[in-house]
Amino acid sequence: MSHLLLKFNASFRQFFIVCSFVFCAVVSVVFLSSWQNNPSFNNGKKQTNSLTTSTAFKGTLSLNLIGDGQISGTGQGTHIGKFDFFAQDDESNFPYLDGTVVMTAVNGDQIFATHTGNVEELGNGFLKITLDHTITGGTGRFAGVSGNFIAVSIANTNNGTATATLKGMINF
């Protein structure tokens, strides 16, 4: 009988060790998943993740030169898709420009930027415009976005149109 009792105790001990290990593993998984999914708090204040993802941003634009420094158009860009474009330029120091930009995605989310740059006359009513943009924020899925991009445009002042390419980095 004592032989059976020792065998039972060994089996029970092994069963207890396995159950303890499984219990600890489950508790660890639950703890880690809840810790990663909940914001941390410091002195009662919510802490946010300050890490951002920097990724390439490229796009193209078809533009209309409205006048008085206003430009509107449509574009296609990475991370925004199709979008409407509006810029207001200060031309008082021509051929140097500065201004603001709003890019509005199809769903209404916006990216805001400022820019500085210059205009180069190519002849026959064509201009090359190079602008350095700084992304200053946005709305919706672009809230808190930052980054920069260069826009290079070829404008036809004869018919008031332009095309542009965009290339830079965007931080989410």
Protein backbone atom coordinates (compact mmCIF):
# COMPACT_ATOMS: atom_id res chain seq x y z
CA MET A 1 0.00 0.00 0.00
CA SER A 2 2.82 2.42 0.82
CA HIS A 3 4.25 1.72 -2.65
CA LEU A 4 0.94 2.82 -4.24
CA LEU A 5 0.83 5.90 -2.00
CA LEU A 6 4.35 6.92 -3.11
CA LYS A 7 3.39 6.39 -6.76
CA PHE A 8 0.22 8.47 -6.24
CA ASN A 9 2.21 11.24 -4.51
CA ALA A 10 4.75 11.32 -7.38
CA SER A 11 1.94 11.53 -9.95
CA PHE A 12 0.16 14.18 -7.92
CA ARG A 13 3.41 16.15 -7.54
CA GLN A 14 4.03 16.01 -11.30
CA PHE A 15 0.41 17.02 -11.98
CA PHE A 16 0.74 19.91 -9.50
CA ILE A 17 3.98 21.14 -11.15
CA VAL A 18 2.42 21.04 -14.64
CA CYS A 19 -0.70 22.87 -13.42
CA SER A 20 1.41 25.50 -11.65
CA PHE A 21 3.45 26.06 -14.79
CA VAL A 22 0.31 26.40 -16.96
CA PHE A 23 -1.27 28.77 -14.41
CA CYS A 24 1.85 30.98 -14.36
CA ALA A 25 2.00 31.04 -18.15
CA VAL A 26 -1.67 32.06 -18.44
CA VAL A 27 -1.29 34.78 -15.79
CA SER A 28 1.82 36.10 -17.56
CA VAL A 29 0.04 36.26 -20.94
CA VAL A 30 -2.99 38.01 -19.45
CA PHE A 31 -0.81 40.47 -17.54
CA LEU A 32 1.40 41.30 -20.54
CA SER A 33 -1.51 41.72 -22.94
CA SER A 34 -3.39 44.02 -20.55
CA TRP A 35 -0.21 46.00 -19.86
CA GLN A 36 0.45 46.54 -23.58
CA ASN A 37 -3.14 47.49 -24.43
CA ASN A 38 -3.75 49.98 -21.62
CA PRO A 39 -2.21 53.42 -21.37
CA SER A 40 0.19 53.80 -18.50
CA PHE A 41 -0.38 56.44 -15.89
CA ASN A 42 2.13 58.63 -14.10
CA ASN A 43 0.92 60.72 -11.17
CA GLY A 44 -2.66 60.31 -12.38
CA LYS A 45 -1.88 61.60 -15.88
CA LYS A 46 -2.21 59.50 -19.02
CA GLN A 47 1.12 58.83 -20.75
CA THR A 48 1.22 58.61 -24.53
CA ASN A 49 3.60 56.66 -26.71
CA SER A 50 6.11 59.18 -28.05
CA LEU A 51 7.51 56.76 -30.64
CA THR A 52 6.69 57.68 -34.23
CA THR A 53 7.05 55.83 -37.48
CA SER A 54 8.87 57.71 -40.21
CA THR A 55 8.07 56.54 -43.70
CA ALA A 56 8.56 57.73 -47.28
CA PHE A 57 5.94 60.06 -48.74
CA LYS A 58 5.54 60.50 -52.51
CA GLY A 59 2.83 62.03 -54.65
CA THR A 60 1.76 63.84 -57.78
CA LEU A 61 -0.46 66.87 -58.30
CA SER A 62 -2.47 68.47 -61.08
CA LEU A 63 -2.92 72.15 -60.23
CA ASN A 64 -4.83 75.24 -61.26
CA LEU A 65 -3.28 78.67 -60.68
CA ILE A 66 -6.29 80.64 -59.40
CA GLY A 67 -4.55 83.99 -58.85
CA ASP A 68 -3.66 86.14 -55.84
CA GLY A 69 -1.29 83.37 -54.73
CA GLN A 70 -4.01 80.71 -54.57
CA ILE A 71 -3.49 77.27 -56.07
CA SER A 72 -5.96 74.38 -56.05
CA GLY A 73 -5.91 70.91 -57.48
CA THR A 74 -6.06 67.20 -56.96
CA GLY A 75 -3.40 64.67 -56.15
CA GLN A 76 -2.48 61.12 -55.33
CA GLY A 77 -0.02 60.31 -52.58
CA THR A 78 1.24 57.51 -50.39
CA HIS A 79 -0.53 57.32 -47.00
CA ILE A 80 -3.23 59.79 -48.11
CA GLY A 81 -4.55 58.29 -51.36
CA LYS A 82 -6.51 60.68 -53.57
CA PHE A 83 -6.71 64.17 -52.14
CA ASP A 84 -7.74 67.75 -52.83
CA PHE A 85 -5.02 70.37 -52.56
CA PHE A 86 -5.17 74.06 -51.68
CA ALA A 87 -2.23 76.44 -51.19
CA GLN A 88 -2.05 80.12 -50.33
CA ASP A 89 1.27 81.70 -51.30
CA ASP A 90 2.76 85.04 -50.28
CA GLU A 91 4.25 86.38 -53.53
CA SER A 92 5.39 89.74 -52.11
CA ASN A 93 9.09 88.70 -52.33
CA PHE A 94 8.84 87.11 -55.80
CA PRO A 95 10.68 85.01 -57.00
CA TYR A 96 10.78 83.74 -53.38
CA LEU A 97 7.57 82.25 -52.00
CA ASP A 98 6.22 81.14 -48.67
CA GLY A 99 2.78 79.94 -47.77
CA THR A 100 0.46 77.32 -46.38
CA VAL A 101 -1.01 74.09 -47.73
CA VAL A 102 -4.03 71.94 -46.89
CA MET A 103 -4.34 68.44 -48.35
CA THR A 104 -7.78 66.87 -47.82
CA ALA A 105 -8.22 63.11 -48.21
CA VAL A 106 -11.40 61.63 -49.67
CA ASN A 107 -12.79 60.96 -46.16
CA GLY A 108 -12.17 64.59 -45.07
CA ASP A 109 -9.02 63.99 -42.99
CA GLN A 110 -6.47 66.75 -43.57
CA ILE A 111 -2.72 67.34 -43.55
CA PHE A 112 -1.43 70.89 -42.94
CA ALA A 113 1.94 72.22 -44.08
CA THR A 114 3.91 75.42 -44.54
CA HIS A 115 6.40 75.99 -47.33
CA THR A 116 9.21 78.21 -48.58
CA GLY A 117 10.96 78.18 -51.90
CA ASN A 118 11.63 79.93 -55.16
CA VAL A 119 10.47 80.31 -58.75
CA GLU A 120 12.72 79.94 -61.78
CA GLU A 121 11.63 81.25 -65.19
CA LEU A 122 12.12 78.67 -67.96
CA GLY A 123 10.87 80.83 -70.83
CA ASN A 124 7.75 80.75 -73.03
CA GLY A 125 5.49 81.22 -69.98
CA PHE A 126 6.83 78.20 -68.07
CA LEU A 127 8.06 78.32 -64.49
CA LYS A 128 9.85 75.80 -62.30
CA ILE A 129 8.76 76.14 -58.68
CA THR A 130 10.65 74.31 -55.92
CA LEU A 131 9.12 74.40 -52.45
CA ASP A 132 10.31 72.88 -49.18
CA HIS A 133 7.27 71.88 -47.08
CA THR A 134 7.10 71.24 -43.35
CA ILE A 135 4.11 69.17 -42.23
CA THR A 136 2.67 70.89 -39.16
CA GLY A 137 -0.21 68.57 -38.24
CA GLY A 138 -3.52 67.23 -39.37
CA THR A 139 -6.96 65.96 -38.49
CA GLY A 140 -8.52 62.50 -38.20
CA ARG A 141 -6.03 59.76 -38.97
CA PHE A 142 -3.42 62.49 -39.60
CA ALA A 143 -3.76 64.09 -36.15
CA GLY A 144 -0.27 64.64 -34.76
CA VAL A 145 1.45 63.90 -38.08
CA SER A 146 4.74 65.67 -38.91
CA GLY A 147 7.44 65.50 -41.54
CA ASN A 148 8.63 67.30 -44.63
CA PHE A 149 8.60 67.01 -48.39
CA ILE A 150 9.87 68.81 -51.46
CA ALA A 151 7.44 69.79 -54.21
CA VAL A 152 8.81 70.48 -57.68
CA SER A 153 6.28 72.05 -60.04
CA ILE A 154 6.27 73.03 -63.67
CA ALA A 155 3.71 75.78 -64.21
CA ASN A 156 2.31 76.95 -67.52
CA THR A 157 1.31 80.58 -67.01
CA ASN A 158 -0.22 80.64 -70.51
CA ASN A 159 -3.13 78.42 -69.41
CA GLY A 160 -2.87 78.64 -65.60
CA THR A 161 -2.05 74.97 -64.95
CA ALA A 162 0.80 73.11 -63.30
CA THR A 163 1.94 69.64 -62.39
CA ALA A 164 4.02 68.74 -59.37
CA THR A 165 5.83 65.83 -57.78
CA LEU A 166 6.14 65.43 -54.01
CA LYS A 167 8.88 63.53 -52.22
CA GLY A 168 9.76 63.38 -48.53
CA MET A 169 9.09 61.74 -45.18
CA ILE A 170 5.99 61.61 -43.03
CA ASN A 171 5.96 60.74 -39.33
CA PHE A 172 2.93 59.12 -37.71
